Amino acid sequence: MNSYEQQALAGMRKWQRKMQRRPRLTGKLTKRLQDRMNRFIPEKVHRVITTAIKQMMRAVFFGAKYISPRPLRDAVLEVREARVLERINFYSKTAAAEGALTGAAGFLLGLADFPLWLTLKSKMLFDIAALYGYDPGEYPERLYLLYIFQLTFSSQHHRNRVYEIMAGWEDYTRSLPEDIHQFDWRSFQQEYRDYLDLAKMLQLVPGIGAVVGLYVNHRLTAKLGKTAMNAYRMRWFRGSE
């Protein structure tokens, strides 16, 4: 193991500890408040939101085979991650510009931020998967990307459960559901929505929407990219054992 791989391994282990830490009191209180608010939302509304996000995510993720780059073969980790960081930087800046534009344009165009930003984040994940040597056009890899999404945009309590699945991914893939409909879309949309609610509501406020959109989209896109890096590092180092 060279010096770069040693540094990457240390960074991954630090990240793993963060993914497995217990929920803090403030996080527990926030989660309870969000759960209570969600109970006031009619079940019919939850179903509509879940279906909308499910269809949107499926359209983006399962169109991956048409827009995915070829997996990078026979490259050392340092070369792969130099290109990964370039992609994260590119998509973070692009997402920031998109967030600023939709945030400045008012309420109606602000609503378009969700599908536009989702597409940018998803394309970034496709590129990252390919740079680590995986084909995001394959079903297990598309599902892995959905778990990366959950790991990034969830409460700590839910993050703990998702991390356990990803840490044992090779075993988990042996019992993968053959139908993507069996994925827990309800938890996915609720955790994702709860995580982003306040920031995205502020983006719709006239006068500050552009600034909020720029900052939030840049920061959270970069966060998703760093989560993806560490998620693939787990598989890289497991494969080299």
C-alpha atoms as a PDB file:
ATOM      1  CA  MET A   1       0.000   0.000   0.000  1.00  0.00           C
ATOM      2  CA  ASN A   2       1.539   3.319  -1.073  1.00  0.00           C
ATOM      3  CA  SER A   3       1.390   6.604   0.863  1.00  0.00           C
ATOM      4  CA  TYR A   4      -1.680   7.858  -1.006  1.00  0.00           C
ATOM      5  CA  GLU A   5      -3.620   4.687  -0.273  1.00  0.00           C
ATOM      6  CA  GLN A   6      -2.618   4.877   3.387  1.00  0.00           C
ATOM      7  CA  GLN A   7      -3.928   8.441   3.546  1.00  0.00           C
ATOM      8  CA  ALA A   8      -7.154   7.453   1.776  1.00  0.00           C
ATOM      9  CA  LEU A   9      -7.628   4.504   4.120  1.00  0.00           C
ATOM     10  CA  ALA A  10      -7.190   6.739   7.185  1.00  0.00           C
ATOM     11  CA  GLY A  11      -9.712   9.217   5.774  1.00  0.00           C
ATOM     12  CA  MET A  12     -12.181   6.416   5.077  1.00  0.00           C
ATOM     13  CA  ARG A  13     -11.891   5.027   8.592  1.00  0.00           C
ATOM     14  CA  LYS A  14     -12.544   8.471  10.060  1.00  0.00           C
ATOM     15  CA  TRP A  15     -15.631   8.737   7.846  1.00  0.00           C
ATOM     16  CA  GLN A  16     -16.792   5.265   8.890  1.00  0.00           C
ATOM     17  CA  ARG A  17     -16.714   6.273  12.543  1.00  0.00           C
ATOM     18  CA  LYS A  18     -18.844   9.306  11.691  1.00  0.00           C
ATOM     19  CA  MET A  19     -21.373   7.139   9.841  1.00  0.00           C
ATOM     20  CA  GLN A  20     -21.701   4.803  12.843  1.00  0.00           C
ATOM     21  CA  ARG A  21     -21.888   7.324  15.673  1.00  0.00           C
ATOM     22  CA  ARG A  22     -24.983   7.490  17.802  1.00  0.00           C
ATOM     23  CA  PRO A  23     -27.603  10.149  17.043  1.00  0.00           C
ATOM     24  CA  ARG A  24     -27.038  13.290  19.087  1.00  0.00           C
ATOM     25  CA  LEU A  25     -29.733  14.783  21.283  1.00  0.00           C
ATOM     26  CA  THR A  26     -30.404  17.676  18.905  1.00  0.00           C
ATOM     27  CA  GLY A  27     -30.700  15.238  16.026  1.00  0.00           C
ATOM     28  CA  LYS A  28     -33.128  13.058  17.985  1.00  0.00           C
ATOM     29  CA  LEU A  29     -35.287  16.068  18.868  1.00  0.00           C
ATOM     30  CA  THR A  30     -35.302  17.301  15.277  1.00  0.00           C
ATOM     31  CA  LYS A  31     -36.209  13.835  14.013  1.00  0.00           C
ATOM     32  CA  ARG A  32     -39.070  13.535  16.506  1.00  0.00           C
ATOM     33  CA  LEU A  33     -40.407  16.935  15.448  1.00  0.00           C
ATOM     34  CA  GLN A  34     -40.221  15.986  11.783  1.00  0.00           C
ATOM     35  CA  ASP A  35     -41.913  12.650  12.424  1.00  0.00           C
ATOM     36  CA  ARG A  36     -44.677  14.417  14.326  1.00  0.00           C
ATOM     37  CA  MET A  37     -45.176  16.888  11.482  1.00  0.00           C
ATOM     38  CA  ASN A  38     -45.263  14.039   8.978  1.00  0.00           C
ATOM     39  CA  ARG A  39     -48.061  12.395  10.956  1.00  0.00           C
ATOM     40  CA  PHE A  40     -50.201  15.475  10.324  1.00  0.00           C
ATOM     41  CA  ILE A  41     -49.769  15.077   6.574  1.00  0.00           C
ATOM     42  CA  PRO A  42     -52.587  12.912   5.121  1.00  0.00           C
ATOM     43  CA  GLU A  43     -51.563   9.450   3.973  1.00  0.00           C
ATOM     44  CA  LYS A  44     -52.812  10.251   0.469  1.00  0.00           C
ATOM     45  CA  VAL A  45     -50.314  13.127   0.262  1.00  0.00           C
ATOM     46  CA  HIS A  46     -47.474  10.868   1.428  1.00  0.00           C
ATOM     47  CA  ARG A  47     -48.372   8.364  -1.288  1.00  0.00           C
ATOM     48  CA  VAL A  48     -48.414  11.065  -3.958  1.00  0.00           C
ATOM     49  CA  ILE A  49     -45.020  12.430  -2.872  1.00  0.00           C
ATOM     50  CA  THR A  50     -43.524   8.949  -2.640  1.00  0.00           C
ATOM     51  CA  THR A  51     -44.778   8.038  -6.117  1.00  0.00           C
ATOM     52  CA  ALA A  52     -43.529  11.313  -7.604  1.00  0.00           C
ATOM     53  CA  ILE A  53     -40.026  10.920  -6.165  1.00  0.00           C
ATOM     54  CA  LYS A  54     -39.938   7.229  -7.024  1.00  0.00           C
ATOM     55  CA  GLN A  55     -40.828   7.871 -10.658  1.00  0.00           C
ATOM     56  CA  MET A  56     -38.397  10.767 -10.903  1.00  0.00           C
ATOM     57  CA  MET A  57     -35.546   8.774  -9.389  1.00  0.00           C
ATOM     58  CA  ARG A  58     -36.302   5.742 -11.533  1.00  0.00           C
ATOM     59  CA  ALA A  59     -36.362   7.868 -14.677  1.00  0.00           C
ATOM     60  CA  VAL A  60     -32.972   9.355 -13.841  1.00  0.00           C
ATOM     61  CA  PHE A  61     -31.248   6.286 -12.434  1.00  0.00           C
ATOM     62  CA  PHE A  62     -32.614   3.771 -14.884  1.00  0.00           C
ATOM     63  CA  GLY A  63     -31.729   5.962 -17.811  1.00  0.00           C
ATOM     64  CA  ALA A  64     -28.130   5.579 -16.621  1.00  0.00           C
ATOM     65  CA  LYS A  65     -27.228   3.085 -19.303  1.00  0.00           C
ATOM     66  CA  TYR A  66     -27.801   5.782 -21.929  1.00  0.00           C
ATOM     67  CA  ILE A  67     -25.656   8.482 -20.292  1.00  0.00           C
ATOM     68  CA  SER A  68     -23.084   6.567 -18.244  1.00  0.00           C
ATOM     69  CA  PRO A  69     -19.391   6.709 -19.129  1.00  0.00           C
ATOM     70  CA  ARG A  70     -17.442   3.508 -19.503  1.00  0.00           C
ATOM     71  CA  PRO A  71     -15.891   2.125 -16.313  1.00  0.00           C
ATOM     72  CA  LEU A  72     -12.245   3.100 -15.880  1.00  0.00           C
ATOM     73  CA  ARG A  73     -10.065  -0.013 -15.914  1.00  0.00           C
ATOM     74  CA  ASP A  74      -6.507  -0.599 -14.717  1.00  0.00           C
ATOM     75  CA  ALA A  75      -5.839   2.647 -12.859  1.00  0.00           C
ATOM     76  CA  VAL A  76      -4.386   3.209  -9.403  1.00  0.00           C
ATOM     77  CA  LEU A  77      -6.495   4.804  -6.677  1.00  0.00           C
ATOM     78  CA  GLU A  78      -4.658   8.138  -6.779  1.00  0.00           C
ATOM     79  CA  VAL A  79      -5.373   8.597 -10.493  1.00  0.00           C
ATOM     80  CA  ARG A  80      -9.015   7.629 -10.050  1.00  0.00           C
ATOM     81  CA  GLU A  81      -9.584   9.988  -7.138  1.00  0.00           C
ATOM     82  CA  ALA A  82      -7.872  12.934  -8.813  1.00  0.00           C
ATOM     83  CA  ARG A  83     -10.481  12.616 -11.557  1.00  0.00           C
ATOM     84  CA  VAL A  84     -13.271  12.030  -9.030  1.00  0.00           C
ATOM     85  CA  LEU A  85     -12.412  15.277  -7.217  1.00  0.00           C
ATOM     86  CA  GLU A  86     -12.439  17.125 -10.539  1.00  0.00           C
ATOM     87  CA  ARG A  87     -15.926  15.793 -11.252  1.00  0.00           C
ATOM     88  CA  ILE A  88     -17.171  16.742  -7.771  1.00  0.00           C
ATOM     89  CA  ASN A  89     -15.823  20.267  -8.220  1.00  0.00           C
ATOM     90  CA  PHE A  90     -17.440  20.573 -11.653  1.00  0.00           C
ATOM     91  CA  TYR A  91     -20.869  19.352 -10.560  1.00  0.00           C
ATOM     92  CA  SER A  92     -20.819  21.369  -7.330  1.00  0.00           C
ATOM     93  CA  LYS A  93     -20.198  24.567  -9.279  1.00  0.00           C
ATOM     94  CA  THR A  94     -22.820  23.655 -11.878  1.00  0.00           C
ATOM     95  CA  ALA A  95     -25.384  22.852  -9.171  1.00  0.00           C
ATOM     96  CA  ALA A  96     -24.577  26.145  -7.432  1.00  0.00           C
ATOM     97  CA  ALA A  97     -25.226  28.092 -10.637  1.00  0.00           C
ATOM     98  CA  GLU A  98     -28.481  26.195 -11.186  1.00  0.00           C
ATOM     99  CA  GLY A  99     -29.591  26.835  -7.594  1.00  0.00           C
ATOM    100  CA  ALA A 100     -28.792  30.546  -7.845  1.00  0.00           C
ATOM    101  CA  LEU A 101     -30.689  30.852 -11.123  1.00  0.00           C
ATOM    102  CA  THR A 102     -33.830  29.054  -9.979  1.00  0.00           C
ATOM    103  CA  GLY A 103     -33.676  30.742  -6.567  1.00  0.00           C
ATOM    104  CA  ALA A 104     -33.509  34.198  -8.148  1.00  0.00           C
ATOM    105  CA  ALA A 105     -36.327  33.492 -10.594  1.00  0.00           C
ATOM    106  CA  GLY A 106     -39.107  33.226  -8.024  1.00  0.00           C
ATOM    107  CA  PHE A 107     -41.425  30.599  -6.649  1.00  0.00           C
ATOM    108  CA  LEU A 108     -42.542  28.806  -9.809  1.00  0.00           C
ATOM    109  CA  LEU A 109     -39.104  28.346 -11.334  1.00  0.00           C
ATOM    110  CA  GLY A 110     -37.776  27.588  -7.874  1.00  0.00           C
ATOM    111  CA  LEU A 111     -39.909  24.467  -7.895  1.00  0.00           C
ATOM    112  CA  ALA A 112     -37.952  23.290 -10.932  1.00  0.00           C
ATOM    113  CA  ASP A 113     -34.807  23.147  -8.820  1.00  0.00           C
ATOM    114  CA  PHE A 114     -35.631  19.688  -7.450  1.00  0.00           C
ATOM    115  CA  PRO A 115     -35.588  17.726 -10.733  1.00  0.00           C
ATOM    116  CA  LEU A 116     -32.726  19.789 -12.193  1.00  0.00           C
ATOM    117  CA  TRP A 117     -30.540  19.385  -9.127  1.00  0.00           C
ATOM    118  CA  LEU A 118     -31.458  15.707  -8.830  1.00  0.00           C
ATOM    119  CA  THR A 119     -30.291  15.131 -12.407  1.00  0.00           C
ATOM    120  CA  LEU A 120     -26.957  16.859 -11.751  1.00  0.00           C
ATOM    121  CA  LYS A 121     -26.353  14.887  -8.550  1.00  0.00           C
ATOM    122  CA  SER A 122     -27.267  11.622 -10.241  1.00  0.00           C
ATOM    123  CA  LYS A 123     -24.989  12.273 -13.225  1.00  0.00           C
ATOM    124  CA  MET A 124     -22.149  13.049 -10.815  1.00  0.00           C
ATOM    125  CA  LEU A 125     -22.701   9.688  -9.097  1.00  0.00           C
ATOM    126  CA  PHE A 126     -22.692   7.870 -12.453  1.00  0.00           C
ATOM    127  CA  ASP A 127     -19.338   9.482 -13.289  1.00  0.00           C
ATOM    128  CA  ILE A 128     -17.868   8.632  -9.879  1.00  0.00           C
ATOM    129  CA  ALA A 129     -19.008   5.004 -10.088  1.00  0.00           C
ATOM    130  CA  ALA A 130     -17.373   4.636 -13.496  1.00  0.00           C
ATOM    131  CA  LEU A 131     -14.122   6.230 -12.298  1.00  0.00           C
ATOM    132  CA  TYR A 132     -13.899   3.612  -9.547  1.00  0.00           C
ATOM    133  CA  GLY A 133     -14.363   0.913 -12.186  1.00  0.00           C
ATOM    134  CA  TYR A 134     -18.058   0.110 -11.766  1.00  0.00           C
ATOM    135  CA  ASP A 135     -20.775   0.171 -14.404  1.00  0.00           C
ATOM    136  CA  PRO A 136     -23.745   2.288 -13.194  1.00  0.00           C
ATOM    137  CA  GLY A 137     -25.812   0.773 -15.982  1.00  0.00           C
ATOM    138  CA  GLU A 138     -25.957  -2.472 -14.002  1.00  0.00           C
ATOM    139  CA  TYR A 139     -28.849  -2.949 -11.590  1.00  0.00           C
ATOM    140  CA  PRO A 140     -26.802  -3.611  -8.389  1.00  0.00           C
ATOM    141  CA  GLU A 141     -24.690  -0.522  -9.059  1.00  0.00           C
ATOM    142  CA  ARG A 142     -27.713   1.711  -9.596  1.00  0.00           C
ATOM    143  CA  LEU A 143     -29.096   0.458  -6.307  1.00  0.00           C
ATOM    144  CA  TYR A 144     -25.756   1.176  -4.615  1.00  0.00           C
ATOM    145  CA  LEU A 145     -26.046   4.782  -5.805  1.00  0.00           C
ATOM    146  CA  LEU A 146     -29.482   5.047  -4.199  1.00  0.00           C
ATOM    147  CA  TYR A 147     -27.966   3.928  -0.915  1.00  0.00           C
ATOM    148  CA  ILE A 148     -25.245   6.567  -1.275  1.00  0.00           C
ATOM    149  CA  PHE A 149     -28.056   9.099  -1.664  1.00  0.00           C
ATOM    150  CA  GLN A 150     -29.675   7.848   1.534  1.00  0.00           C
ATOM    151  CA  LEU A 151     -26.407   7.831   3.425  1.00  0.00           C
ATOM    152  CA  THR A 152     -25.871  11.494   2.549  1.00  0.00           C
ATOM    153  CA  PHE A 153     -29.364  12.880   2.994  1.00  0.00           C
ATOM    154  CA  SER A 154     -30.759  11.163   6.082  1.00  0.00           C
ATOM    155  CA  SER A 155     -31.004  11.530   9.826  1.00  0.00           C
ATOM    156  CA  GLN A 156     -28.201   9.890  11.811  1.00  0.00           C
ATOM    157  CA  HIS A 157     -30.568   7.166  13.003  1.00  0.00           C
ATOM    158  CA  HIS A 158     -31.454   6.152   9.444  1.00  0.00           C
ATOM    159  CA  ARG A 159     -27.860   6.642   8.324  1.00  0.00           C
ATOM    160  CA  ASN A 160     -26.709   4.012  10.822  1.00  0.00           C
ATOM    161  CA  ARG A 161     -29.009   1.419   9.237  1.00  0.00           C
ATOM    162  CA  VAL A 162     -28.053   2.319   5.660  1.00  0.00           C
ATOM    163  CA  TYR A 163     -24.348   2.165   6.494  1.00  0.00           C
ATOM    164  CA  GLU A 164     -24.697  -1.394   7.819  1.00  0.00           C
ATOM    165  CA  ILE A 165     -26.177  -2.492   4.486  1.00  0.00           C
ATOM    166  CA  MET A 166     -23.395  -0.816   2.501  1.00  0.00           C
ATOM    167  CA  ALA A 167     -20.640  -2.134   4.774  1.00  0.00           C
ATOM    168  CA  GLY A 168     -21.803  -5.664   3.928  1.00  0.00           C
ATOM    169  CA  TRP A 169     -22.680  -4.929   0.311  1.00  0.00           C
ATOM    170  CA  GLU A 170     -21.255  -8.105  -1.205  1.00  0.00           C
ATOM    171  CA  ASP A 171     -23.425 -10.242   1.068  1.00  0.00           C
ATOM    172  CA  TYR A 172     -26.425  -7.987   0.555  1.00  0.00           C
ATOM    173  CA  THR A 173     -26.246  -8.235  -3.250  1.00  0.00           C
ATOM    174  CA  ARG A 174     -26.817 -11.972  -3.034  1.00  0.00           C
ATOM    175  CA  SER A 175     -30.350 -11.295  -1.814  1.00  0.00           C
ATOM    176  CA  LEU A 176     -31.155  -8.134  -3.769  1.00  0.00           C
ATOM    177  CA  PRO A 177     -34.805  -7.690  -4.758  1.00  0.00           C
ATOM    178  CA  GLU A 178     -35.147  -8.244  -8.483  1.00  0.00           C
ATOM    179  CA  ASP A 179     -37.741  -5.498  -8.726  1.00  0.00           C
ATOM    180  CA  ILE A 180     -36.764  -1.908  -7.900  1.00  0.00           C
ATOM    181  CA  HIS A 181     -40.363  -1.416  -6.704  1.00  0.00           C
ATOM    182  CA  GLN A 182     -39.348  -3.353  -3.587  1.00  0.00           C
ATOM    183  CA  PHE A 183     -36.900  -0.602  -2.625  1.00  0.00           C
ATOM    184  CA  ASP A 184     -38.108   1.345   0.437  1.00  0.00           C
ATOM    185  CA  TRP A 185     -39.154   4.476  -1.446  1.00  0.00           C
ATOM    186  CA  ARG A 186     -41.297   5.760   1.421  1.00  0.00           C
ATOM    187  CA  SER A 187     -38.359   6.015   3.829  1.00  0.00           C
ATOM    188  CA  PHE A 188     -36.163   7.353   1.040  1.00  0.00           C
ATOM    189  CA  GLN A 189     -38.436  10.272   0.147  1.00  0.00           C
ATOM    190  CA  GLN A 190     -39.290  11.111   3.753  1.00  0.00           C
ATOM    191  CA  GLU A 191     -35.682  11.172   4.948  1.00  0.00           C
ATOM    192  CA  TYR A 192     -34.558  13.092   1.855  1.00  0.00           C
ATOM    193  CA  ARG A 193     -37.362  15.609   2.162  1.00  0.00           C
ATOM    194  CA  ASP A 194     -36.894  16.105   5.908  1.00  0.00           C
ATOM    195  CA  TYR A 195     -33.158  16.619   5.452  1.00  0.00           C
ATOM    196  CA  LEU A 196     -33.605  19.326   2.808  1.00  0.00           C
ATOM    197  CA  ASP A 197     -36.892  20.931   3.863  1.00  0.00           C
ATOM    198  CA  LEU A 198     -35.692  24.111   5.581  1.00  0.00           C
ATOM    199  CA  ALA A 199     -32.941  24.929   3.110  1.00  0.00           C
ATOM    200  CA  LYS A 200     -35.133  24.387   0.083  1.00  0.00           C
ATOM    201  CA  MET A 201     -38.013  26.387   1.566  1.00  0.00           C
ATOM    202  CA  LEU A 202     -35.637  29.322   2.104  1.00  0.00           C
ATOM    203  CA  GLN A 203     -34.597  29.057  -1.520  1.00  0.00           C
ATOM    204  CA  LEU A 204     -38.146  30.006  -2.528  1.00  0.00           C
ATOM    205  CA  VAL A 205     -38.074  33.225  -0.473  1.00  0.00           C
ATOM    206  CA  PRO A 206     -37.734  36.350  -2.696  1.00  0.00           C
ATOM    207  CA  GLY A 207     -34.561  38.307  -2.111  1.00  0.00           C
ATOM    208  CA  ILE A 208     -32.497  35.525  -0.556  1.00  0.00           C
ATOM    209  CA  GLY A 209     -33.429  32.583  -2.790  1.00  0.00           C
ATOM    210  CA  ALA A 210     -30.469  33.005  -5.133  1.00  0.00           C
ATOM    211  CA  VAL A 211     -27.902  33.129  -2.331  1.00  0.00           C
ATOM    212  CA  VAL A 212     -29.475  30.176  -0.516  1.00  0.00           C
ATOM    213  CA  GLY A 213     -29.746  28.146  -3.716  1.00  0.00           C
ATOM    214  CA  LEU A 214     -26.123  28.772  -4.621  1.00  0.00           C
ATOM    215  CA  TYR A 215     -24.792  27.893  -1.171  1.00  0.00           C
ATOM    216  CA  VAL A 216     -27.003  24.885  -0.446  1.00  0.00           C
ATOM    217  CA  ASN A 217     -26.631  23.252  -3.851  1.00  0.00           C
ATOM    218  CA  HIS A 218     -22.858  23.672  -3.843  1.00  0.00           C
ATOM    219  CA  ARG A 219     -22.359  22.413  -0.291  1.00  0.00           C
ATOM    220  CA  LEU A 220     -24.714  19.431  -0.502  1.00  0.00           C
ATOM    221  CA  THR A 221     -23.547  18.341  -3.956  1.00  0.00           C
ATOM    222  CA  ALA A 222     -19.967  18.324  -2.656  1.00  0.00           C
ATOM    223  CA  LYS A 223     -21.113  16.398   0.407  1.00  0.00           C
ATOM    224  CA  LEU A 224     -22.769  13.765  -1.785  1.00  0.00           C
ATOM    225  CA  GLY A 225     -19.577  13.460  -3.820  1.00  0.00           C
ATOM    226  CA  LYS A 226     -17.400  12.962  -0.727  1.00  0.00           C
ATOM    227  CA  THR A 227     -19.840  10.357   0.605  1.00  0.00           C
ATOM    228  CA  ALA A 228     -19.608   8.523  -2.716  1.00  0.00           C
ATOM    229  CA  MET A 229     -15.799   8.597  -2.566  1.00  0.00           C
ATOM    230  CA  ASN A 230     -15.743   6.949   0.845  1.00  0.00           C
ATOM    231  CA  ALA A 231     -18.469   4.471  -0.093  1.00  0.00           C
ATOM    232  CA  TYR A 232     -16.360   3.303  -3.040  1.00  0.00           C
ATOM    233  CA  ARG A 233     -13.201   3.343  -0.957  1.00  0.00           C
ATOM    234  CA  MET A 234     -14.845   0.715   1.266  1.00  0.00           C
ATOM    235  CA  ARG A 235     -15.200  -1.561  -1.740  1.00  0.00           C
ATOM    236  CA  TRP A 236     -11.725  -0.717  -3.062  1.00  0.00           C
ATOM    237  CA  PHE A 237      -9.935  -1.621   0.150  1.00  0.00           C
ATOM    238  CA  ARG A 238     -12.122  -4.665   0.748  1.00  0.00           C
ATOM    239  CA  GLY A 239     -11.169  -5.901  -2.710  1.00  0.00           C
ATOM    240  CA  SER A 240      -7.456  -5.428  -1.996  1.00  0.00           C
ATOM    241  CA  GLU A 241      -7.504  -7.432   1.248  1.00  0.00           C
END
